[in-house]
Amino acid sequence: MAYTDLTTKNFNETLDNNEIVIIDFWAEWCGPCIQFAPIFEKVAENNPDITFAKVNTEEQQAIAGQYGISSIPTLMVVRDGIILLNQAGSLPEEKLGELIAHVKGLDMDAIRKEIAEEEE
């Protein structure tokens, strides 16, 4: 298994202790979630330098509620503790790979500066 199951016990710790975390919010009854699972797992196996995680929205309703997950599957991408993407829908393998390359290439200092300017 190339991903971590997230719960309220390990969610914050996982985000705090890993540079890049890609989270798949899903549920057992969700057809599109089931279809996306093998793509997510394959991309996770091909990117061991990134933390891939799954949140079962039925079992972890507090996490789903905290992040406004109202539709599944939803992908969330976090780098350096900053949520860069929180978007419903699955991605084909190629697009998920492109997203990862984009996230790896981001200048996080520039993003932190931009966020600080918006908050002022």
PDB file of N, CA and C in Angstrom:
ATOM      1  N   MET A   1       0.852  -1.178   0.000  1.00  0.00           N
ATOM      2  CA  MET A   1       0.000   0.000   0.000  1.00  0.00           C
ATOM      3  C   MET A   1       0.897   1.240   0.000  1.00  0.00           C
ATOM      4  N   ALA A   2       0.691   2.095  -0.969  1.00  0.00           N
ATOM      5  CA  ALA A   2       1.558   3.258  -1.161  1.00  0.00           C
ATOM      6  C   ALA A   2       0.965   4.533  -0.572  1.00  0.00           C
ATOM      7  N   TYR A   3      -0.060   4.372   0.257  1.00  0.00           N
ATOM      8  CA  TYR A   3      -0.670   5.561   0.850  1.00  0.00           C
ATOM      9  C   TYR A   3      -0.989   5.308   2.322  1.00  0.00           C
ATOM     10  N   THR A   4      -1.290   6.386   3.020  1.00  0.00           N
ATOM     11  CA  THR A   4      -1.629   6.347   4.434  1.00  0.00           C
ATOM     12  C   THR A   4      -3.116   6.625   4.590  1.00  0.00           C
ATOM     13  N   ASP A   5      -3.772   5.888   5.472  1.00  0.00           N
ATOM     14  CA  ASP A   5      -5.160   6.200   5.816  1.00  0.00           C
ATOM     15  C   ASP A   5      -5.128   7.262   6.903  1.00  0.00           C
ATOM     16  N   LEU A   6      -5.804   8.379   6.652  1.00  0.00           N
ATOM     17  CA  LEU A   6      -5.818   9.466   7.615  1.00  0.00           C
ATOM     18  C   LEU A   6      -7.070   9.423   8.481  1.00  0.00           C
ATOM     19  N   THR A   7      -6.848   9.724   9.766  1.00  0.00           N
ATOM     20  CA  THR A   7      -7.933   9.819  10.737  1.00  0.00           C
ATOM     21  C   THR A   7      -7.709  11.110  11.530  1.00  0.00           C
ATOM     22  N   THR A   8      -8.611  11.407  12.431  1.00  0.00           N
ATOM     23  CA  THR A   8      -8.430  12.591  13.266  1.00  0.00           C
ATOM     24  C   THR A   8      -7.166  12.461  14.119  1.00  0.00           C
ATOM     25  N   LYS A   9      -6.712  11.240  14.367  1.00  0.00           N
ATOM     26  CA  LYS A   9      -5.522  11.018  15.193  1.00  0.00           C
ATOM     27  C   LYS A   9      -4.220  11.369  14.470  1.00  0.00           C
ATOM     28  N   ASN A  10      -4.154  11.165  13.149  1.00  0.00           N
ATOM     29  CA  ASN A  10      -2.888  11.375  12.438  1.00  0.00           C
ATOM     30  C   ASN A  10      -2.951  12.432  11.337  1.00  0.00           C
ATOM     31  N   PHE A  11      -4.079  13.081  11.156  1.00  0.00           N
ATOM     32  CA  PHE A  11      -4.243  14.025  10.049  1.00  0.00           C
ATOM     33  C   PHE A  11      -3.270  15.208  10.158  1.00  0.00           C
ATOM     34  N   ASN A  12      -3.346  15.948  11.261  1.00  0.00           N
ATOM     35  CA  ASN A  12      -2.503  17.145  11.411  1.00  0.00           C
ATOM     36  C   ASN A  12      -1.025  16.788  11.434  1.00  0.00           C
ATOM     37  N   GLU A  13      -0.693  15.715  12.110  1.00  0.00           N
ATOM     38  CA  GLU A  13       0.698  15.271  12.170  1.00  0.00           C
ATOM     39  C   GLU A  13       1.230  14.951  10.770  1.00  0.00           C
ATOM     40  N   THR A  14       0.415  14.303   9.958  1.00  0.00           N
ATOM     41  CA  THR A  14       0.829  13.960   8.596  1.00  0.00           C
ATOM     42  C   THR A  14       1.081  15.220   7.783  1.00  0.00           C
ATOM     43  N   LEU A  15       0.188  16.192   7.881  1.00  0.00           N
ATOM     44  CA  LEU A  15       0.378  17.439   7.145  1.00  0.00           C
ATOM     45  C   LEU A  15       1.586  18.222   7.658  1.00  0.00           C
ATOM     46  N   ASP A  16       1.800  18.203   8.963  1.00  0.00           N
ATOM     47  CA  ASP A  16       2.908  18.959   9.563  1.00  0.00           C
ATOM     48  C   ASP A  16       4.276  18.359   9.272  1.00  0.00           C
ATOM     49  N   ASN A  17       4.347  17.048   9.111  1.00  0.00           N
ATOM     50  CA  ASN A  17       5.639  16.365   9.030  1.00  0.00           C
ATOM     51  C   ASN A  17       6.035  15.919   7.628  1.00  0.00           C
ATOM     52  N   ASN A  18       5.314  16.355   6.609  1.00  0.00           N
ATOM     53  CA  ASN A  18       5.633  15.967   5.238  1.00  0.00           C
ATOM     54  C   ASN A  18       5.560  17.189   4.338  1.00  0.00           C
ATOM     55  N   GLU A  19       6.531  17.300   3.424  1.00  0.00           N
ATOM     56  CA  GLU A  19       6.573  18.475   2.556  1.00  0.00           C
ATOM     57  C   GLU A  19       5.357  18.550   1.638  1.00  0.00           C
ATOM     58  N   ILE A  20       5.070  17.452   0.948  1.00  0.00           N
ATOM     59  CA  ILE A  20       3.932  17.418   0.027  1.00  0.00           C
ATOM     60  C   ILE A  20       3.023  16.261   0.430  1.00  0.00           C
ATOM     61  N   VAL A  21       1.739  16.569   0.592  1.00  0.00           N
ATOM     62  CA  VAL A  21       0.744  15.544   0.917  1.00  0.00           C
ATOM     63  C   VAL A  21      -0.393  15.675  -0.087  1.00  0.00           C
ATOM     64  N   ILE A  22      -0.725  14.561  -0.729  1.00  0.00           N
ATOM     65  CA  ILE A  22      -1.851  14.523  -1.656  1.00  0.00           C
ATOM     66  C   ILE A  22      -2.907  13.608  -1.044  1.00  0.00           C
ATOM     67  N   ILE A  23      -4.095  14.164  -0.834  1.00  0.00           N
ATOM     68  CA  ILE A  23      -5.155  13.452  -0.116  1.00  0.00           C
ATOM     69  C   ILE A  23      -6.332  13.179  -1.052  1.00  0.00           C
ATOM     70  N   ASP A  24      -6.787  11.947  -1.014  1.00  0.00           N
ATOM     71  CA  ASP A  24      -7.986  11.526  -1.744  1.00  0.00           C
ATOM     72  C   ASP A  24      -9.106  11.346  -0.722  1.00  0.00           C
ATOM     73  N   PHE A  25     -10.110  12.225  -0.785  1.00  0.00           N
ATOM     74  CA  PHE A  25     -11.301  12.070   0.047  1.00  0.00           C
ATOM     75  C   PHE A  25     -12.259  11.165  -0.721  1.00  0.00           C
ATOM     76  N   TRP A  26     -12.724  10.088  -0.103  1.00  0.00           N
ATOM     77  CA  TRP A  26     -13.504   9.070  -0.796  1.00  0.00           C
ATOM     78  C   TRP A  26     -14.495   8.401   0.159  1.00  0.00           C
ATOM     79  N   ALA A  27     -15.323   7.522  -0.416  1.00  0.00           N
ATOM     80  CA  ALA A  27     -16.220   6.673   0.370  1.00  0.00           C
ATOM     81  C   ALA A  27     -16.422   5.364  -0.378  1.00  0.00           C
ATOM     82  N   GLU A  28     -16.714   4.305   0.359  1.00  0.00           N
ATOM     83  CA  GLU A  28     -16.866   2.975  -0.238  1.00  0.00           C
ATOM     84  C   GLU A  28     -18.010   2.901  -1.241  1.00  0.00           C
ATOM     85  N   TRP A  29     -19.059   3.681  -1.032  1.00  0.00           N
ATOM     86  CA  TRP A  29     -20.244   3.624  -1.892  1.00  0.00           C
ATOM     87  C   TRP A  29     -20.099   4.465  -3.167  1.00  0.00           C
ATOM     88  N   CYS A  30     -19.013   5.194  -3.295  1.00  0.00           N
ATOM     89  CA  CYS A  30     -18.830   6.157  -4.387  1.00  0.00           C
ATOM     90  C   CYS A  30     -18.174   5.490  -5.599  1.00  0.00           C
ATOM     91  N   GLY A  31     -18.940   5.319  -6.667  1.00  0.00           N
ATOM     92  CA  GLY A  31     -18.421   4.696  -7.886  1.00  0.00           C
ATOM     93  C   GLY A  31     -17.200   5.401  -8.463  1.00  0.00           C
ATOM     94  N   PRO A  32     -17.263   6.718  -8.675  1.00  0.00           N
ATOM     95  CA  PRO A  32     -16.086   7.424  -9.201  1.00  0.00           C
ATOM     96  C   PRO A  32     -14.861   7.291  -8.282  1.00  0.00           C
ATOM     97  N   CYS A  33     -15.090   7.193  -6.975  1.00  0.00           N
ATOM     98  CA  CYS A  33     -13.977   7.010  -6.029  1.00  0.00           C
ATOM     99  C   CYS A  33     -13.301   5.661  -6.267  1.00  0.00           C
ATOM    100  N   ILE A  34     -14.116   4.643  -6.464  1.00  0.00           N
ATOM    101  CA  ILE A  34     -13.597   3.290  -6.702  1.00  0.00           C
ATOM    102  C   ILE A  34     -12.807   3.261  -8.016  1.00  0.00           C
ATOM    103  N   GLN A  35     -13.305   3.969  -9.029  1.00  0.00           N
ATOM    104  CA  GLN A  35     -12.605   4.020 -10.319  1.00  0.00           C
ATOM    105  C   GLN A  35     -11.282   4.775 -10.211  1.00  0.00           C
ATOM    106  N   PHE A  36     -11.231   5.801  -9.365  1.00  0.00           N
ATOM    107  CA  PHE A  36     -10.031   6.608  -9.226  1.00  0.00           C
ATOM    108  C   PHE A  36      -8.961   5.926  -8.377  1.00  0.00           C
ATOM    109  N   ALA A  37      -9.363   5.031  -7.484  1.00  0.00           N
ATOM    110  CA  ALA A  37      -8.438   4.410  -6.528  1.00  0.00           C
ATOM    111  C   ALA A  37      -7.203   3.788  -7.189  1.00  0.00           C
ATOM    112  N   PRO A  38      -7.327   2.992  -8.266  1.00  0.00           N
ATOM    113  CA  PRO A  38      -6.119   2.400  -8.856  1.00  0.00           C
ATOM    114  C   PRO A  38      -5.170   3.449  -9.459  1.00  0.00           C
ATOM    115  N   ILE A  39      -5.718   4.525  -9.980  1.00  0.00           N
ATOM    116  CA  ILE A  39      -4.890   5.604 -10.528  1.00  0.00           C
ATOM    117  C   ILE A  39      -4.112   6.255  -9.386  1.00  0.00           C
ATOM    118  N   PHE A  40      -4.811   6.567  -8.303  1.00  0.00           N
ATOM    119  CA  PHE A  40      -4.185   7.196  -7.137  1.00  0.00           C
ATOM    120  C   PHE A  40      -3.058   6.310  -6.604  1.00  0.00           C
ATOM    121  N   GLU A  41      -3.334   5.016  -6.471  1.00  0.00           N
ATOM    122  CA  GLU A  41      -2.342   4.081  -5.937  1.00  0.00           C
ATOM    123  C   GLU A  41      -1.136   3.957  -6.861  1.00  0.00           C
ATOM    124  N   LYS A  42      -1.360   3.905  -8.171  1.00  0.00           N
ATOM    125  CA  LYS A  42      -0.249   3.775  -9.124  1.00  0.00           C
ATOM    126  C   LYS A  42       0.640   5.018  -9.076  1.00  0.00           C
ATOM    127  N   VAL A  43       0.033   6.189  -9.072  1.00  0.00           N
ATOM    128  CA  VAL A  43       0.802   7.435  -9.015  1.00  0.00           C
ATOM    129  C   VAL A  43       1.544   7.522  -7.682  1.00  0.00           C
ATOM    130  N   ALA A  44       0.922   7.067  -6.600  1.00  0.00           N
ATOM    131  CA  ALA A  44       1.580   7.058  -5.295  1.00  0.00           C
ATOM    132  C   ALA A  44       2.828   6.169  -5.326  1.00  0.00           C
ATOM    133  N   GLU A  45       2.709   5.006  -5.913  1.00  0.00           N
ATOM    134  CA  GLU A  45       3.846   4.086  -6.001  1.00  0.00           C
ATOM    135  C   GLU A  45       4.980   4.684  -6.830  1.00  0.00           C
ATOM    136  N   ASN A  46       4.631   5.486  -7.836  1.00  0.00           N
ATOM    137  CA  ASN A  46       5.629   6.085  -8.718  1.00  0.00           C
ATOM    138  C   ASN A  46       6.246   7.364  -8.144  1.00  0.00           C
ATOM    139  N   ASN A  47       5.750   7.833  -7.007  1.00  0.00           N
ATOM    140  CA  ASN A  47       6.246   9.065  -6.386  1.00  0.00           C
ATOM    141  C   ASN A  47       6.499   8.840  -4.893  1.00  0.00           C
ATOM    142  N   PRO A  48       7.497   8.016  -4.558  1.00  0.00           N
ATOM    143  CA  PRO A  48       7.729   7.694  -3.149  1.00  0.00           C
ATOM    144  C   PRO A  48       8.205   8.880  -2.309  1.00  0.00           C
ATOM    145  N   ASP A  49       8.584   9.971  -2.967  1.00  0.00           N
ATOM    146  CA  ASP A  49       9.045  11.163  -2.246  1.00  0.00           C
ATOM    147  C   ASP A  49       7.882  12.029  -1.762  1.00  0.00           C
ATOM    148  N   ILE A  50       6.661  11.662  -2.129  1.00  0.00           N
ATOM    149  CA  ILE A  50       5.462  12.410  -1.747  1.00  0.00           C
ATOM    150  C   ILE A  50       4.614  11.525  -0.843  1.00  0.00           C
ATOM    151  N   THR A  51       3.939  12.147   0.118  1.00  0.00           N
ATOM    152  CA  THR A  51       3.031  11.413   0.994  1.00  0.00           C
ATOM    153  C   THR A  51       1.641  11.420   0.362  1.00  0.00           C
ATOM    154  N   PHE A  52       1.142  10.248   0.061  1.00  0.00           N
ATOM    155  CA  PHE A  52      -0.215  10.082  -0.461  1.00  0.00           C
ATOM    156  C   PHE A  52      -1.079   9.538   0.667  1.00  0.00           C
ATOM    157  N   ALA A  53      -2.279  10.069   0.779  1.00  0.00           N
ATOM    158  CA  ALA A  53      -3.150   9.674   1.876  1.00  0.00           C
ATOM    159  C   ALA A  53      -4.600   9.642   1.410  1.00  0.00           C
ATOM    160  N   LYS A  54      -5.395   8.876   2.141  1.00  0.00           N
ATOM    161  CA  LYS A  54      -6.819   8.770   1.834  1.00  0.00           C
ATOM    162  C   LYS A  54      -7.617   9.057   3.106  1.00  0.00           C
ATOM    163  N   VAL A  55      -8.740   9.741   2.917  1.00  0.00           N
ATOM    164  CA  VAL A  55      -9.664   9.997   4.017  1.00  0.00           C
ATOM    165  C   VAL A  55     -11.011   9.402   3.619  1.00  0.00           C
ATOM    166  N   ASN A  56     -11.460   8.418   4.379  1.00  0.00           N
ATOM    167  CA  ASN A  56     -12.783   7.841   4.172  1.00  0.00           C
ATOM    168  C   ASN A  56     -13.777   8.811   4.815  1.00  0.00           C
ATOM    169  N   THR A  57     -14.549   9.494   3.975  1.00  0.00           N
ATOM    170  CA  THR A  57     -15.431  10.554   4.468  1.00  0.00           C
ATOM    171  C   THR A  57     -16.567  10.025   5.346  1.00  0.00           C
ATOM    172  N   GLU A  58     -16.902   8.752   5.199  1.00  0.00           N
ATOM    173  CA  GLU A  58     -17.937   8.163   6.051  1.00  0.00           C
ATOM    174  C   GLU A  58     -17.406   7.958   7.469  1.00  0.00           C
ATOM    175  N   GLU A  59     -16.157   7.529   7.574  1.00  0.00           N
ATOM    176  CA  GLU A  59     -15.567   7.243   8.880  1.00  0.00           C
ATOM    177  C   GLU A  59     -14.955   8.484   9.519  1.00  0.00           C
ATOM    178  N   GLN A  60     -14.578   9.462   8.721  1.00  0.00           N
ATOM    179  CA  GLN A  60     -13.883  10.658   9.216  1.00  0.00           C
ATOM    180  C   GLN A  60     -14.670  11.916   8.848  1.00  0.00           C
ATOM    181  N   GLN A  61     -15.914  11.961   9.305  1.00  0.00           N
ATOM    182  CA  GLN A  61     -16.791  13.075   8.950  1.00  0.00           C
ATOM    183  C   GLN A  61     -16.295  14.410   9.496  1.00  0.00           C
ATOM    184  N   ALA A  62     -15.586  14.391  10.615  1.00  0.00           N
ATOM    185  CA  ALA A  62     -15.070  15.637  11.186  1.00  0.00           C
ATOM    186  C   ALA A  62     -14.037  16.270  10.254  1.00  0.00           C
ATOM    187  N   ILE A  63     -13.164  15.448   9.688  1.00  0.00           N
ATOM    188  CA  ILE A  63     -12.149  15.976   8.756  1.00  0.00           C
ATOM    189  C   ILE A  63     -12.830  16.491   7.502  1.00  0.00           C
ATOM    190  N   ALA A  64     -13.746  15.698   6.951  1.00  0.00           N
ATOM    191  CA  ALA A  64     -14.459  16.118   5.739  1.00  0.00           C
ATOM    192  C   ALA A  64     -15.178  17.439   5.972  1.00  0.00           C
ATOM    193  N   GLY A  65     -15.812  17.583   7.118  1.00  0.00           N
ATOM    194  CA  GLY A  65     -16.522  18.817   7.444  1.00  0.00           C
ATOM    195  C   GLY A  65     -15.579  19.993   7.615  1.00  0.00           C
ATOM    196  N   GLN A  66     -14.456  19.765   8.266  1.00  0.00           N
ATOM    197  CA  GLN A  66     -13.487  20.830   8.509  1.00  0.00           C
ATOM    198  C   GLN A  66     -12.957  21.420   7.204  1.00  0.00           C
ATOM    199  N   TYR A  67     -12.818  20.589   6.186  1.00  0.00           N
ATOM    200  CA  TYR A  67     -12.262  21.048   4.911  1.00  0.00           C
ATOM    201  C   TYR A  67     -13.321  21.260   3.835  1.00  0.00           C
ATOM    202  N   GLY A  68     -14.584  21.249   4.237  1.00  0.00           N
ATOM    203  CA  GLY A  68     -15.667  21.585   3.319  1.00  0.00           C
ATOM    204  C   GLY A  68     -15.863  20.592   2.187  1.00  0.00           C
ATOM    205  N   ILE A  69     -15.592  19.334   2.459  1.00  0.00           N
ATOM    206  CA  ILE A  69     -15.741  18.313   1.430  1.00  0.00           C
ATOM    207  C   ILE A  69     -17.225  17.998   1.290  1.00  0.00           C
ATOM    208  N   SER A  70     -17.800  18.386   0.157  1.00  0.00           N
ATOM    209  CA  SER A  70     -19.227  18.159  -0.062  1.00  0.00           C
ATOM    210  C   SER A  70     -19.481  17.245  -1.250  1.00  0.00           C
ATOM    211  N   SER A  71     -18.440  16.901  -1.965  1.00  0.00           N
ATOM    212  CA  SER A  71     -18.547  16.050  -3.136  1.00  0.00           C
ATOM    213  C   SER A  71     -17.295  15.172  -3.185  1.00  0.00           C
ATOM    214  N   ILE A  72     -17.468  13.923  -3.566  1.00  0.00           N
ATOM    215  CA  ILE A  72     -16.316  13.031  -3.649  1.00  0.00           C
ATOM    216  C   ILE A  72     -16.302  12.307  -4.981  1.00  0.00           C
ATOM    217  N   PRO A  73     -15.140  11.909  -5.467  1.00  0.00           N
ATOM    218  CA  PRO A  73     -13.848  12.114  -4.834  1.00  0.00           C
ATOM    219  C   PRO A  73     -13.426  13.591  -4.872  1.00  0.00           C
ATOM    220  N   THR A  74     -12.660  13.970  -3.878  1.00  0.00           N
ATOM    221  CA  THR A  74     -12.043  15.292  -3.841  1.00  0.00           C
ATOM    222  C   THR A  74     -10.558  15.099  -3.603  1.00  0.00           C
ATOM    223  N   LEU A  75      -9.756  15.825  -4.352  1.00  0.00           N
ATOM    224  CA  LEU A  75      -8.308  15.817  -4.159  1.00  0.00           C
ATOM    225  C   LEU A  75      -7.889  17.078  -3.419  1.00  0.00           C
ATOM    226  N   MET A  76      -7.050  16.901  -2.420  1.00  0.00           N
ATOM    227  CA  MET A  76      -6.460  18.038  -1.725  1.00  0.00           C
ATOM    228  C   MET A  76      -4.948  17.886  -1.823  1.00  0.00           C
ATOM    229  N   VAL A  77      -4.295  18.977  -2.192  1.00  0.00           N
ATOM    230  CA  VAL A  77      -2.836  18.976  -2.271  1.00  0.00           C
ATOM    231  C   VAL A  77      -2.319  20.010  -1.280  1.00  0.00           C
ATOM    232  N   VAL A  78      -1.427  19.558  -0.392  1.00  0.00           N
ATOM    233  CA  VAL A  78      -0.855  20.426   0.633  1.00  0.00           C
ATOM    234  C   VAL A  78       0.662  20.377   0.489  1.00  0.00           C
ATOM    235  N   ARG A  79       1.280  21.552   0.459  1.00  0.00           N
ATOM    236  CA  ARG A  79       2.740  21.621   0.459  1.00  0.00           C
ATOM    237  C   ARG A  79       3.163  22.620   1.526  1.00  0.00           C
ATOM    238  N   ASP A  80       4.098  22.206   2.355  1.00  0.00           N
ATOM    239  CA  ASP A  80       4.593  23.043   3.451  1.00  0.00           C
ATOM    240  C   ASP A  80       3.441  23.574   4.307  1.00  0.00           C
ATOM    241  N   GLY A  81       2.411  22.746   4.503  1.00  0.00           N
ATOM    242  CA  GLY A  81       1.281  23.129   5.337  1.00  0.00           C
ATOM    243  C   GLY A  81       0.277  24.055   4.675  1.00  0.00           C
ATOM    244  N   ILE A  82       0.491  24.380   3.402  1.00  0.00           N
ATOM    245  CA  ILE A  82      -0.403  25.284   2.675  1.00  0.00           C
ATOM    246  C   ILE A  82      -1.254  24.472   1.709  1.00  0.00           C
ATOM    247  N   ILE A  83      -2.571  24.642   1.805  1.00  0.00           N
ATOM    248  CA  ILE A  83      -3.469  23.939   0.869  1.00  0.00           C
ATOM    249  C   ILE A  83      -3.386  24.640  -0.478  1.00  0.00           C
ATOM    250  N   LEU A  84      -2.900  23.913  -1.475  1.00  0.00           N
ATOM    251  CA  LEU A  84      -2.750  24.464  -2.821  1.00  0.00           C
ATOM    252  C   LEU A  84      -3.926  24.104  -3.714  1.00  0.00           C
ATOM    253  N   LEU A  85      -4.595  23.000  -3.382  1.00  0.00           N
ATOM    254  CA  LEU A  85      -5.724  22.539  -4.189  1.00  0.00           C
ATOM    255  C   LEU A  85      -6.691  21.804  -3.277  1.00  0.00           C
ATOM    256  N   ASN A  86      -7.965  22.068  -3.456  1.00  0.00           N
ATOM    257  CA  ASN A  86      -9.033  21.345  -2.772  1.00  0.00           C
ATOM    258  C   ASN A  86     -10.161  21.309  -3.783  1.00  0.00           C
ATOM    259  N   GLN A  87     -10.164  20.259  -4.616  1.00  0.00           N
ATOM    260  CA  GLN A  87     -11.044  20.237  -5.783  1.00  0.00           C
ATOM    261  C   GLN A  87     -11.738  18.892  -5.930  1.00  0.00           C
ATOM    262  N   ALA A  88     -13.045  18.954  -6.123  1.00  0.00           N
ATOM    263  CA  ALA A  88     -13.817  17.737  -6.344  1.00  0.00           C
ATOM    264  C   ALA A  88     -13.520  17.184  -7.729  1.00  0.00           C
ATOM    265  N   GLY A  89     -13.593  15.864  -7.833  1.00  0.00           N
ATOM    266  CA  GLY A  89     -13.392  15.189  -9.115  1.00  0.00           C
ATOM    267  C   GLY A  89     -12.082  14.427  -9.131  1.00  0.00           C
ATOM    268  N   SER A  90     -12.045  13.419  -9.960  1.00  0.00           N
ATOM    269  CA  SER A  90     -10.824  12.631 -10.096  1.00  0.00           C
ATOM    270  C   SER A  90     -10.045  13.130 -11.305  1.00  0.00           C
ATOM    271  N   LEU A  91      -8.806  12.694 -11.398  1.00  0.00           N
ATOM    272  CA  LEU A  91      -7.965  13.071 -12.524  1.00  0.00           C
ATOM    273  C   LEU A  91      -7.447  11.817 -13.207  1.00  0.00           C
ATOM    274  N   PRO A  92      -7.261  11.867 -14.535  1.00  0.00           N
ATOM    275  CA  PRO A  92      -6.581  10.760 -15.192  1.00  0.00           C
ATOM    276  C   PRO A  92      -5.121  10.718 -14.720  1.00  0.00           C
ATOM    277  N   GLU A  93      -4.485   9.584 -14.874  1.00  0.00           N
ATOM    278  CA  GLU A  93      -3.117   9.403 -14.399  1.00  0.00           C
ATOM    279  C   GLU A  93      -2.170  10.487 -14.930  1.00  0.00           C
ATOM    280  N   GLU A  94      -2.268  10.791 -16.195  1.00  0.00           N
ATOM    281  CA  GLU A  94      -1.376  11.788 -16.810  1.00  0.00           C
ATOM    282  C   GLU A  94      -1.559  13.161 -16.163  1.00  0.00           C
ATOM    283  N   LYS A  95      -2.806  13.558 -15.940  1.00  0.00           N
ATOM    284  CA  LYS A  95      -3.079  14.876 -15.346  1.00  0.00           C
ATOM    285  C   LYS A  95      -2.622  14.933 -13.885  1.00  0.00           C
ATOM    286  N   LEU A  96      -2.783  13.831 -13.168  1.00  0.00           N
ATOM    287  CA  LEU A  96      -2.317  13.795 -11.785  1.00  0.00           C
ATOM    288  C   LEU A  96      -0.793  13.927 -11.759  1.00  0.00           C
ATOM    289  N   GLY A  97      -0.119  13.284 -12.695  1.00  0.00           N
ATOM    290  CA  GLY A  97       1.329  13.414 -12.805  1.00  0.00           C
ATOM    291  C   GLY A  97       1.748  14.844 -13.115  1.00  0.00           C
ATOM    292  N   GLU A  98       1.005  15.502 -14.002  1.00  0.00           N
ATOM    293  CA  GLU A  98       1.297  16.903 -14.339  1.00  0.00           C
ATOM    294  C   GLU A  98       1.086  17.803 -13.116  1.00  0.00           C
ATOM    295  N   LEU A  99       0.033  17.533 -12.359  1.00  0.00           N
ATOM    296  CA  LEU A  99      -0.234  18.308 -11.150  1.00  0.00           C
ATOM    297  C   LEU A  99       0.919  18.171 -10.160  1.00  0.00           C
ATOM    298  N   ILE A 100       1.413  16.956  -9.985  1.00  0.00           N
ATOM    299  CA  ILE A 100       2.519  16.709  -9.062  1.00  0.00           C
ATOM    300  C   ILE A 100       3.769  17.459  -9.516  1.00  0.00           C
ATOM    301  N   ALA A 101       4.067  17.406 -10.802  1.00  0.00           N
ATOM    302  CA  ALA A 101       5.238  18.119 -11.325  1.00  0.00           C
ATOM    303  C   ALA A 101       5.097  19.622 -11.068  1.00  0.00           C
ATOM    304  N   HIS A 102       3.894  20.138 -11.262  1.00  0.00           N
ATOM    305  CA  HIS A 102       3.641  21.562 -11.031  1.00  0.00           C
ATOM    306  C   HIS A 102       3.866  21.920  -9.557  1.00  0.00           C
ATOM    307  N   VAL A 103       3.311  21.108  -8.664  1.00  0.00           N
ATOM    308  CA  VAL A 103       3.436  21.363  -7.227  1.00  0.00           C
ATOM    309  C   VAL A 103       4.902  21.305  -6.791  1.00  0.00           C
ATOM    310  N   LYS A 104       5.648  20.342  -7.316  1.00  0.00           N
ATOM    311  CA  LYS A 104       7.070  20.223  -6.976  1.00  0.00           C
ATOM    312  C   LYS A 104       7.851  21.450  -7.440  1.00  0.00           C
ATOM    313  N   GLY A 105       7.425  22.051  -8.533  1.00  0.00           N
ATOM    314  CA  GLY A 105       8.145  23.177  -9.101  1.00  0.00           C
ATOM    315  C   GLY A 105       7.776  24.535  -8.525  1.00  0.00           C
ATOM    316  N   LEU A 106       6.806  24.585  -7.643  1.00  0.00           N
ATOM    317  CA  LEU A 106       6.361  25.866  -7.104  1.00  0.00           C
ATOM    318  C   LEU A 106       7.417  26.511  -6.211  1.00  0.00           C
ATOM    319  N   ASP A 107       7.482  27.826  -6.268  1.00  0.00           N
ATOM    320  CA  ASP A 107       8.331  28.615  -5.379  1.00  0.00           C
ATOM    321  C   ASP A 107       7.496  28.929  -4.137  1.00  0.00           C
ATOM    322  N   MET A 108       7.670  28.137  -3.093  1.00  0.00           N
ATOM    323  CA  MET A 108       6.824  28.273  -1.915  1.00  0.00           C
ATOM    324  C   MET A 108       7.086  29.577  -1.169  1.00  0.00           C
ATOM    325  N   ASP A 109       8.299  30.123  -1.254  1.00  0.00           N
ATOM    326  CA  ASP A 109       8.558  31.426  -0.632  1.00  0.00           C
ATOM    327  C   ASP A 109       7.690  32.496  -1.275  1.00  0.00           C
ATOM    328  N   ALA A 110       7.563  32.439  -2.603  1.00  0.00           N
ATOM    329  CA  ALA A 110       6.719  33.402  -3.316  1.00  0.00           C
ATOM    330  C   ALA A 110       5.253  33.217  -2.933  1.00  0.00           C
ATOM    331  N   ILE A 111       4.834  31.991  -2.768  1.00  0.00           N
ATOM    332  CA  ILE A 111       3.445  31.716  -2.391  1.00  0.00           C
ATOM    333  C   ILE A 111       3.173  32.215  -0.970  1.00  0.00           C
ATOM    334  N   ARG A 112       4.099  31.969  -0.041  1.00  0.00           N
ATOM    335  CA  ARG A 112       3.934  32.465   1.328  1.00  0.00           C
ATOM    336  C   ARG A 112       3.857  33.997   1.335  1.00  0.00           C
ATOM    337  N   LYS A 113       4.690  34.640   0.514  1.00  0.00           N
ATOM    338  CA  LYS A 113       4.693  36.101   0.421  1.00  0.00           C
ATOM    339  C   LYS A 113       3.348  36.590  -0.107  1.00  0.00           C
ATOM    340  N   GLU A 114       2.840  35.914  -1.134  1.00  0.00           N
ATOM    341  CA  GLU A 114       1.546  36.278  -1.721  1.00  0.00           C
ATOM    342  C   GLU A 114       0.418  36.147  -0.695  1.00  0.00           C
ATOM    343  N   ILE A 115       0.442  35.066   0.065  1.00  0.00           N
ATOM    344  CA  ILE A 115      -0.582  34.848   1.094  1.00  0.00           C
ATOM    345  C   ILE A 115      -0.500  35.940   2.155  1.00  0.00           C
ATOM    346  N   ALA A 116       0.709  36.268   2.571  1.00  0.00           N
ATOM    347  CA  ALA A 116       0.893  37.314   3.583  1.00  0.00           C
ATOM    348  C   ALA A 116       0.374  38.663   3.091  1.00  0.00           C
ATOM    349  N   GLU A 117       0.607  38.964   1.823  1.00  0.00           N
ATOM    350  CA  GLU A 117       0.126  40.223   1.249  1.00  0.00           C
ATOM    351  C   GLU A 117      -1.397  40.253   1.197  1.00  0.00           C
ATOM    352  N   GLU A 118      -2.012  39.128   0.865  1.00  0.00           N
ATOM    353  CA  GLU A 118      -3.472  39.064   0.807  1.00  0.00           C
ATOM    354  C   GLU A 118      -4.097  39.220   2.183  1.00  0.00           C
ATOM    355  N   GLU A 119      -3.390  38.764   3.213  1.00  0.00           N
ATOM    356  CA  GLU A 119      -3.926  38.824   4.576  1.00  0.00           C
ATOM    357  C   GLU A 119      -3.801  40.225   5.187  1.00  0.00           C
ATOM    358  N   GLU A 120      -2.961  41.077   4.611  1.00  0.00           N
ATOM    359  CA  GLU A 120      -2.769  42.428   5.160  1.00  0.00           C
ATOM    360  C   GLU A 120      -3.905  43.340   4.828  1.00  0.00           C
TER     361      GLU A 120
END
